[in-house]
Amino acid sequence: MEEAPLRDFRDLVWFERNLDAGISALHLDEQRVIAGDWDGGVYCWDLEGEALWDVKTSNRVSGFAVGGGWVYAVCGRDIVSIELESGTIQWKHELEGSSDLVACTPQGETVLATSSIFDLEMNDFLESTIWRFNSEGQLLHQGSINERPWAISMRKDGVAFLPLSRPRCGMIRATSEELHHTPLPTSSPATCGTIAQTHTVVGHVDGTLTCIDDGMVMDDDTYTNQPGTIESIAAKEPGFLVSIGIEQGSVGSGFGGAEGVARSYDEKGKLLWQIETELGRNIEHVMYGPVVAEQASAWIVSWDKRKSIVEVRSSRDGAPLLRAESNSRVTAIDGNRSYLTIGYEDGTLYLIESELLSRRVSSDNDKSDANHRSDLAEKLRRLRS
């Protein structure tokens, strides 16, 4: 597939901000960008780049959930409730082990967080705890399991679903009173998950993609099994993006020894296009982003321990839009049809906006066409002479 033109993000961004520590978590919605960093800082801007507030928490911010008038952040060993408008910390609760995931109901009345204990000698997670709070910080329920959840989705009624790693794998259904374990069609450990337009998509080590709708596993053929471990998924648009890590020489790889593969599918599960990376370069993030030429853009982020590459393509036809490179690793990304925000290990944050991105991409295409016409004219002049 044709390579996208190399660009400097600074020529494309709506605004740029630089934090003192690496960015560890991002949240983007129709009104604001919220960023968390490795030192426990949480920062909020409106979409014009005006700073609204910032606050300091205990440690590295690993994730956000936003509902009603609250931002819930998991930071180090804590869950913290922050007032959305003012940035004032309302309450915090220390969890057991490191805090991992967080989700809340749309109005923020109920929030669920997970924490886990990692054993260095065994190089594995020993135990995880699932915590349920109300918006006032009252602990409503907690329960422990022997697996680590790798994704979380929550219904409006507060029931949550959490796909698991070994030993049991499967999924936890967390209600206000109990944690109920349910097997999934594959016994392979979960690696990631994302909330799609109407359901949740879970990726597994064996390349299986499981679709969960309202707690029920959908038995259909939409989600094609992949030839390697699922690394990341995006499904905010009709269809989905998926990245796969393929072991070199693995049976059924068939991708010329590629280390990473990103694929775009339509809503019926038809493969639209794919790109591959060279050996040693892993695809760590995929995300849908701003509309360009009436198509949502697809953002594929890879890293080879020296340089990150962000490749942007049209989601439906795979047409190359741009490519950006950096010596800093991309650590977080979030996007929608109007904006995309991307954060780096060196503390750099960019916000990309649809109309500006479209104009810059169109300008590049015009320049490319003009250069092409100029080259053809020069060749004709040489032939005539």
Protein backbone atom coordinates (compact mmCIF):
# COMPACT_ATOMS: atom_id res chain seq x y z
CA MET A 1 0.00 0.00 0.00
CA GLU A 2 1.21 3.50 -0.83
CA GLU A 3 3.10 5.28 1.94
CA ALA A 4 1.59 8.44 3.41
CA PRO A 5 3.51 11.74 3.04
CA LEU A 6 5.70 12.69 6.00
CA ARG A 7 4.49 15.76 7.93
CA ASP A 8 5.39 17.69 11.08
CA PHE A 9 2.47 17.59 13.52
CA ARG A 10 3.13 21.21 14.46
CA ASP A 11 1.93 22.21 10.97
CA LEU A 12 -1.37 20.39 11.51
CA VAL A 13 -2.43 20.82 15.12
CA TRP A 14 -5.27 22.91 16.48
CA PHE A 15 -3.23 23.44 19.65
CA GLU A 16 -0.16 22.02 21.39
CA ARG A 17 0.56 21.80 25.12
CA ASN A 18 3.67 20.58 26.94
CA LEU A 19 3.44 19.01 30.40
CA ASP A 20 6.34 18.51 32.82
CA ALA A 21 5.82 14.73 32.91
CA GLY A 22 4.87 12.08 30.35
CA ILE A 23 1.20 11.78 29.43
CA SER A 24 -0.37 8.59 30.75
CA ALA A 25 -4.12 9.02 30.08
CA LEU A 26 -6.43 11.12 27.88
CA HIS A 27 -10.15 11.85 27.70
CA LEU A 28 -11.78 13.74 24.82
CA ASP A 29 -15.43 14.75 24.50
CA GLU A 30 -17.52 17.45 22.78
CA GLN A 31 -16.38 20.17 25.18
CA ARG A 32 -12.95 19.41 26.60
CA VAL A 33 -9.66 17.54 26.70
CA ILE A 34 -8.48 16.02 29.98
CA ALA A 35 -4.93 14.71 30.36
CA GLY A 36 -3.25 12.81 33.18
CA ASP A 37 0.51 12.45 33.59
CA TRP A 38 3.04 10.16 35.23
CA ASP A 39 3.46 12.51 38.21
CA GLY A 40 -0.24 12.53 39.08
CA GLY A 41 -1.17 15.81 37.41
CA VAL A 42 -4.63 16.15 35.83
CA TYR A 43 -5.19 19.02 33.35
CA CYS A 44 -8.31 20.21 31.58
CA TRP A 45 -8.63 22.51 28.52
CA ASP A 46 -11.58 23.54 26.41
CA LEU A 47 -11.43 22.77 22.69
CA GLU A 48 -10.02 26.22 21.92
CA GLY A 49 -7.02 25.44 24.13
CA GLU A 50 -7.96 27.58 27.12
CA ALA A 51 -6.82 26.05 30.43
CA LEU A 52 -9.85 25.40 32.63
CA TRP A 53 -8.19 23.84 35.65
CA ASP A 54 -5.46 21.50 36.86
CA VAL A 55 -5.08 19.45 40.02
CA LYS A 56 -2.46 17.22 41.62
CA THR A 57 -3.21 13.62 42.63
CA SER A 58 -1.06 11.01 44.35
CA ASN A 59 0.66 9.22 41.47
CA ARG A 60 0.54 8.20 37.80
CA VAL A 61 -2.91 8.62 36.26
CA SER A 62 -3.92 5.43 34.44
CA GLY A 63 -7.44 6.23 33.29
CA PHE A 64 -10.56 8.42 33.41
CA ALA A 65 -14.32 8.00 33.50
CA VAL A 66 -16.53 11.06 33.06
CA GLY A 67 -20.19 11.13 34.04
CA GLY A 68 -22.57 13.90 35.12
CA GLY A 69 -20.52 16.54 36.89
CA TRP A 70 -17.60 14.33 37.85
CA VAL A 71 -14.28 13.06 36.54
CA TYR A 72 -13.20 9.80 38.15
CA ALA A 73 -9.48 9.12 37.86
CA VAL A 74 -7.45 6.07 38.90
CA CYS A 75 -4.07 7.30 40.14
CA GLY A 76 -1.38 5.08 41.65
CA ARG A 77 -3.19 3.24 44.46
CA ASP A 78 -6.19 5.61 44.55
CA ILE A 79 -9.46 6.43 42.89
CA VAL A 80 -10.14 10.18 42.92
CA SER A 81 -13.37 12.08 42.25
CA ILE A 82 -12.87 15.52 40.67
CA GLU A 83 -15.58 18.11 40.08
CA LEU A 84 -15.76 18.53 36.31
CA GLU A 85 -16.35 22.29 36.20
CA SER A 86 -13.90 23.45 38.88
CA GLY A 87 -11.27 20.71 39.11
CA THR A 88 -11.81 20.44 42.87
CA ILE A 89 -11.10 17.03 44.39
CA GLN A 90 -14.32 15.81 46.04
CA TRP A 91 -13.06 12.59 47.55
CA LYS A 92 -10.47 9.86 47.16
CA HIS A 93 -10.19 6.25 48.30
CA GLU A 94 -7.08 4.13 48.58
CA LEU A 95 -7.35 0.77 46.82
CA GLU A 96 -5.39 -2.45 47.35
CA GLY A 97 -2.45 -2.70 44.95
CA SER A 98 -2.22 -0.53 41.85
CA SER A 99 -5.37 1.01 40.40
CA ASP A 100 -6.07 -0.09 36.82
CA LEU A 101 -9.49 0.55 35.26
CA VAL A 102 -12.42 2.84 35.94
CA ALA A 103 -15.95 3.24 34.51
CA CYS A 104 -19.11 5.04 35.57
CA THR A 105 -22.74 5.41 34.62
CA PRO A 106 -23.62 8.29 32.23
CA GLN A 107 -24.68 10.58 35.09
CA GLY A 108 -21.82 9.49 37.32
CA GLU A 109 -24.00 8.17 40.17
CA THR A 110 -22.16 4.84 40.24
CA VAL A 111 -18.47 4.24 39.61
CA LEU A 112 -16.48 1.01 39.37
CA ALA A 113 -12.70 0.72 39.70
CA THR A 114 -10.29 -2.20 39.62
CA SER A 115 -6.95 -2.69 41.32
CA SER A 116 -4.42 -5.52 41.13
CA ILE A 117 -1.46 -6.96 43.01
CA PHE A 118 1.57 -7.97 40.95
CA ASP A 119 4.10 -10.56 42.21
CA LEU A 120 7.62 -9.79 40.97
CA GLU A 121 8.94 -13.31 41.67
CA MET A 122 6.12 -15.00 39.75
CA ASN A 123 6.00 -12.19 37.16
CA ASP A 124 2.21 -12.35 37.22
CA PHE A 125 -0.85 -10.80 38.81
CA LEU A 126 -1.94 -12.60 41.98
CA GLU A 127 -5.25 -10.95 42.76
CA SER A 128 -7.56 -8.17 41.64
CA THR A 129 -10.28 -6.30 43.48
CA ILE A 130 -13.38 -4.72 41.95
CA TRP A 131 -14.64 -1.68 43.87
CA ARG A 132 -18.08 -0.02 43.59
CA PHE A 133 -18.73 3.52 44.89
CA ASN A 134 -21.52 6.07 44.66
CA SER A 135 -20.90 9.67 43.61
CA GLU A 136 -20.42 10.70 47.25
CA GLY A 137 -17.51 8.30 47.69
CA GLN A 138 -19.37 5.71 49.75
CA LEU A 139 -18.03 2.19 49.19
CA LEU A 140 -21.01 0.07 48.16
CA HIS A 141 -19.33 -3.25 47.36
CA GLN A 142 -15.94 -4.83 46.86
CA GLY A 143 -14.94 -8.30 45.74
CA SER A 144 -11.67 -10.06 44.90
CA ILE A 145 -10.83 -12.45 42.08
CA ASN A 146 -7.68 -14.33 41.05
CA GLU A 147 -7.52 -12.77 37.57
CA ARG A 148 -6.83 -9.30 36.25
CA PRO A 149 -9.57 -7.60 34.16
CA TRP A 150 -8.26 -5.96 30.97
CA ALA A 151 -11.29 -3.89 30.00
CA ILE A 152 -14.48 -2.60 31.55
CA SER A 153 -17.86 -1.47 30.23
CA MET A 154 -20.82 -0.31 32.31
CA ARG A 155 -24.53 -0.15 31.55
CA LYS A 156 -26.83 2.69 32.57
CA ASP A 157 -28.13 0.55 35.46
CA GLY A 158 -24.62 0.16 36.91
CA VAL A 159 -24.05 -3.46 35.86
CA ALA A 160 -20.51 -3.82 34.51
CA PHE A 161 -18.71 -6.43 32.39
CA LEU A 162 -15.00 -7.18 32.72
CA PRO A 163 -13.12 -9.68 30.48
CA LEU A 164 -10.37 -11.55 32.31
CA SER A 165 -6.89 -13.02 32.00
CA ARG A 166 -5.78 -16.43 33.32
CA PRO A 167 -6.51 -18.67 35.12
CA ARG A 168 -10.27 -18.63 34.51
CA CYS A 169 -10.42 -16.17 31.59
CA GLY A 170 -14.03 -15.53 30.58
CA MET A 171 -15.87 -12.48 31.93
CA ILE A 172 -17.07 -11.03 35.25
CA ARG A 173 -20.60 -9.60 35.48
CA ALA A 174 -20.44 -7.10 38.34
CA THR A 175 -23.77 -6.10 39.90
CA SER A 176 -24.41 -4.02 43.01
CA GLU A 177 -24.37 -7.19 45.12
CA GLU A 178 -22.08 -9.79 43.52
CA LEU A 179 -19.40 -10.73 41.00
CA HIS A 180 -20.62 -13.46 38.67
CA HIS A 181 -18.18 -15.32 36.40
CA THR A 182 -19.29 -16.24 32.87
CA PRO A 183 -17.27 -18.26 30.31
CA LEU A 184 -16.73 -16.81 26.84
CA PRO A 185 -16.63 -18.79 23.57
CA THR A 186 -12.82 -18.77 23.74
CA SER A 187 -10.76 -19.84 26.74
CA SER A 188 -7.98 -17.48 25.65
CA PRO A 189 -7.05 -14.58 27.99
CA ALA A 190 -8.41 -11.13 27.18
CA THR A 191 -5.88 -8.48 26.15
CA CYS A 192 -7.99 -5.37 25.50
CA GLY A 193 -11.52 -4.14 24.94
CA THR A 194 -13.41 -1.13 23.68
CA ILE A 195 -16.97 0.16 23.75
CA ALA A 196 -18.40 0.28 20.23
CA GLN A 197 -21.53 2.08 19.07
CA THR A 198 -23.95 -0.47 20.52
CA HIS A 199 -21.78 -3.13 22.17
CA THR A 200 -18.37 -4.04 23.56
CA VAL A 201 -15.59 -5.71 21.55
CA VAL A 202 -12.96 -7.76 23.40
CA GLY A 203 -9.64 -8.91 21.97
CA HIS A 204 -7.87 -12.11 23.03
CA VAL A 205 -4.40 -13.64 22.94
CA ASP A 206 -5.46 -16.25 20.36
CA GLY A 207 -6.73 -13.60 17.92
CA THR A 208 -10.40 -14.04 18.76
CA LEU A 209 -12.67 -10.99 18.84
CA THR A 210 -15.67 -11.38 21.14
CA CYS A 211 -18.72 -9.13 20.83
CA ILE A 212 -20.74 -8.54 24.01
CA ASP A 213 -24.10 -6.77 23.78
CA ASP A 214 -25.82 -5.90 27.06
CA GLY A 215 -23.95 -8.72 28.78
CA MET A 216 -24.81 -11.32 26.13
CA VAL A 217 -22.18 -12.77 23.82
CA MET A 218 -23.29 -12.16 20.24
CA ASP A 219 -23.15 -15.35 18.19
CA ASP A 220 -22.43 -14.03 14.71
CA ASP A 221 -19.65 -13.99 12.14
CA THR A 222 -19.01 -10.23 12.07
CA TYR A 223 -15.71 -10.36 13.92
CA THR A 224 -13.16 -12.37 11.97
CA ASN A 225 -10.52 -14.19 14.00
CA GLN A 226 -7.06 -12.68 13.57
CA PRO A 227 -3.71 -14.45 12.99
CA GLY A 228 -2.09 -13.20 16.21
CA THR A 229 -2.61 -11.53 19.57
CA ILE A 230 -5.04 -8.59 19.55
CA GLU A 231 -3.14 -5.52 20.74
CA SER A 232 -5.74 -2.75 20.37
CA ILE A 233 -9.21 -2.11 18.95
CA ALA A 234 -11.17 0.98 17.86
CA ALA A 235 -14.88 0.75 17.10
CA LYS A 236 -16.45 4.21 17.45
CA GLU A 237 -17.33 4.29 13.74
CA PRO A 238 -19.45 1.72 11.87
CA GLY A 239 -16.91 -1.04 11.42
CA PHE A 240 -13.73 -1.38 13.43
CA LEU A 241 -9.95 -1.10 13.44
CA VAL A 242 -7.79 -3.77 14.98
CA SER A 243 -4.05 -4.20 15.50
CA ILE A 244 -2.41 -7.61 15.78
CA GLY A 245 0.97 -8.73 17.00
CA ILE A 246 2.29 -11.69 15.01
CA GLU A 247 5.13 -13.87 16.21
CA GLN A 248 7.86 -14.19 13.59
CA GLY A 249 7.46 -17.46 11.69
CA SER A 250 4.11 -18.26 13.31
CA VAL A 251 1.83 -20.63 11.43
CA GLY A 252 -0.72 -18.78 9.32
CA SER A 253 0.98 -15.40 9.57
CA GLY A 254 1.47 -14.98 5.84
CA PHE A 255 2.41 -11.34 6.10
CA GLY A 256 6.00 -11.44 4.90
CA GLY A 257 7.35 -11.71 8.43
CA ALA A 258 5.59 -8.55 9.60
CA GLU A 259 5.69 -7.89 13.33
CA GLY A 260 2.51 -5.83 13.46
CA VAL A 261 -0.61 -5.64 11.29
CA ALA A 262 -3.43 -3.07 11.39
CA ARG A 263 -6.70 -3.87 9.62
CA SER A 264 -9.81 -1.87 8.81
CA TYR A 265 -13.19 -3.64 8.56
CA ASP A 266 -16.63 -2.38 7.63
CA GLU A 267 -19.71 -2.90 9.82
CA LYS A 268 -20.39 -6.28 8.18
CA GLY A 269 -16.91 -7.61 8.92
CA LYS A 270 -15.51 -7.17 5.39
CA LEU A 271 -11.78 -6.44 5.29
CA LEU A 272 -11.26 -3.03 3.67
CA TRP A 273 -7.47 -2.68 3.87
CA GLN A 274 -4.46 -3.46 6.02
CA ILE A 275 -0.95 -2.19 6.65
CA GLU A 276 2.07 -4.01 8.05
CA THR A 277 5.16 -2.98 9.96
CA GLU A 278 8.73 -4.20 9.67
CA LEU A 279 10.18 -6.59 12.22
CA GLY A 280 10.71 -4.97 15.60
CA ARG A 281 8.02 -2.31 15.12
CA ASN A 282 4.86 -2.98 17.13
CA ILE A 283 1.51 -1.30 16.54
CA GLU A 284 0.43 -0.05 19.96
CA HIS A 285 -2.66 2.08 19.25
CA VAL A 286 -5.41 2.30 16.64
CA MET A 287 -8.04 5.03 16.76
CA TYR A 288 -10.71 6.65 14.59
CA GLY A 289 -10.17 10.39 14.20
CA PRO A 290 -11.47 13.53 12.48
CA VAL A 291 -13.37 13.42 9.19
CA VAL A 292 -11.31 14.22 6.08
CA ALA A 293 -13.00 14.27 2.65
CA GLU A 294 -16.22 12.87 4.17
CA GLN A 295 -14.44 9.86 5.70
CA ALA A 296 -13.35 9.36 9.27
CA SER A 297 -9.59 9.08 9.49
CA ALA A 298 -7.84 5.97 10.86
CA TRP A 299 -4.78 6.55 13.07
CA ILE A 300 -2.22 3.76 13.44
CA VAL A 301 0.56 4.28 16.00
CA SER A 302 3.68 2.10 16.10
CA TRP A 303 6.90 2.03 18.15
CA ASP A 304 10.26 0.26 17.72
CA LYS A 305 11.90 1.42 21.02
CA ARG A 306 13.60 4.27 19.15
CA LYS A 307 11.00 6.09 17.08
CA SER A 308 7.22 6.36 17.01
CA ILE A 309 5.33 6.59 13.73
CA VAL A 310 1.77 7.87 13.46
CA GLU A 311 0.22 6.89 10.13
CA VAL A 312 -3.13 8.41 9.14
CA ARG A 313 -5.38 6.94 6.45
CA SER A 314 -8.96 7.22 5.26
CA SER A 315 -10.90 4.63 7.21
CA ARG A 316 -12.88 3.21 4.28
CA ASP A 317 -10.49 3.15 1.35
CA GLY A 318 -7.12 3.30 3.13
CA ALA A 319 -5.96 6.32 1.12
CA PRO A 320 -2.78 7.71 2.73
CA LEU A 321 -3.28 11.13 4.37
CA LEU A 322 -0.11 11.77 6.35
CA ARG A 323 2.65 10.25 8.47
CA ALA A 324 4.39 11.82 11.49
CA GLU A 325 7.51 10.61 13.29
CA SER A 326 8.90 11.36 16.75
CA ASN A 327 11.69 10.18 19.02
CA SER A 328 9.17 10.11 21.85
CA ARG A 329 6.71 7.25 22.35
CA VAL A 330 2.97 7.80 21.96
CA THR A 331 1.45 6.84 25.32
CA ALA A 332 -2.23 7.80 24.93
CA ILE A 333 -4.72 8.67 22.18
CA ASP A 334 -8.44 9.45 21.96
CA GLY A 335 -10.53 10.62 19.03
CA ASN A 336 -13.91 11.28 17.45
CA ARG A 337 -15.23 12.62 14.12
CA SER A 338 -14.35 16.24 15.00
CA TYR A 339 -11.13 16.05 17.02
CA LEU A 340 -8.28 13.76 18.01
CA THR A 341 -5.86 14.18 20.90
CA ILE A 342 -2.53 12.40 21.16
CA GLY A 343 -0.05 12.38 24.04
CA TYR A 344 3.64 11.49 24.20
CA GLU A 345 6.06 10.16 26.79
CA ASP A 346 7.94 13.51 26.77
CA GLY A 347 4.79 15.37 27.90
CA THR A 348 3.76 16.74 24.49
CA LEU A 349 0.02 16.87 23.79
CA TYR A 350 -1.56 17.71 20.41
CA LEU A 351 -5.19 18.37 19.53
CA ILE A 352 -6.11 17.84 15.85
CA GLU A 353 -9.30 19.41 14.43
CA SER A 354 -11.25 18.13 11.42
CA GLU A 355 -11.57 21.28 9.27
CA LEU A 356 -7.97 22.38 9.78
CA LEU A 357 -6.67 18.88 9.09
CA SER A 358 -8.80 18.66 5.93
CA ARG A 359 -7.46 21.99 4.65
CA ARG A 360 -3.85 21.02 5.28
CA VAL A 361 -4.25 17.59 3.66
CA SER A 362 -6.05 19.17 0.66
CA SER A 363 -3.28 21.79 0.35
CA ASP A 364 -0.66 19.03 0.32
CA ASN A 365 -2.56 17.14 -2.37
CA ASP A 366 -2.79 20.31 -4.50
CA LYS A 367 0.94 20.87 -4.13
CA SER A 368 1.62 17.25 -5.03
CA ASP A 369 -0.59 17.49 -8.13
CA ALA A 370 1.10 20.77 -9.13
CA ASN A 371 4.55 19.22 -8.71
CA HIS A 372 3.46 16.19 -10.73
CA ARG A 373 2.14 18.42 -13.55
CA SER A 374 5.34 20.46 -13.47
CA ASP A 375 7.44 17.29 -13.79
CA LEU A 376 5.34 16.11 -16.75
CA ALA A 377 5.66 19.53 -18.43
CA GLU A 378 9.42 19.44 -17.97
CA LYS A 379 9.61 15.98 -19.54
CA LEU A 380 7.54 17.17 -22.52
CA ARG A 381 9.80 20.17 -22.99
CA ARG A 382 12.84 17.88 -23.03
CA LEU A 383 11.20 15.57 -25.56
CA ARG A 384 10.34 18.51 -27.87
CA SER A 385 13.88 19.83 -27.72
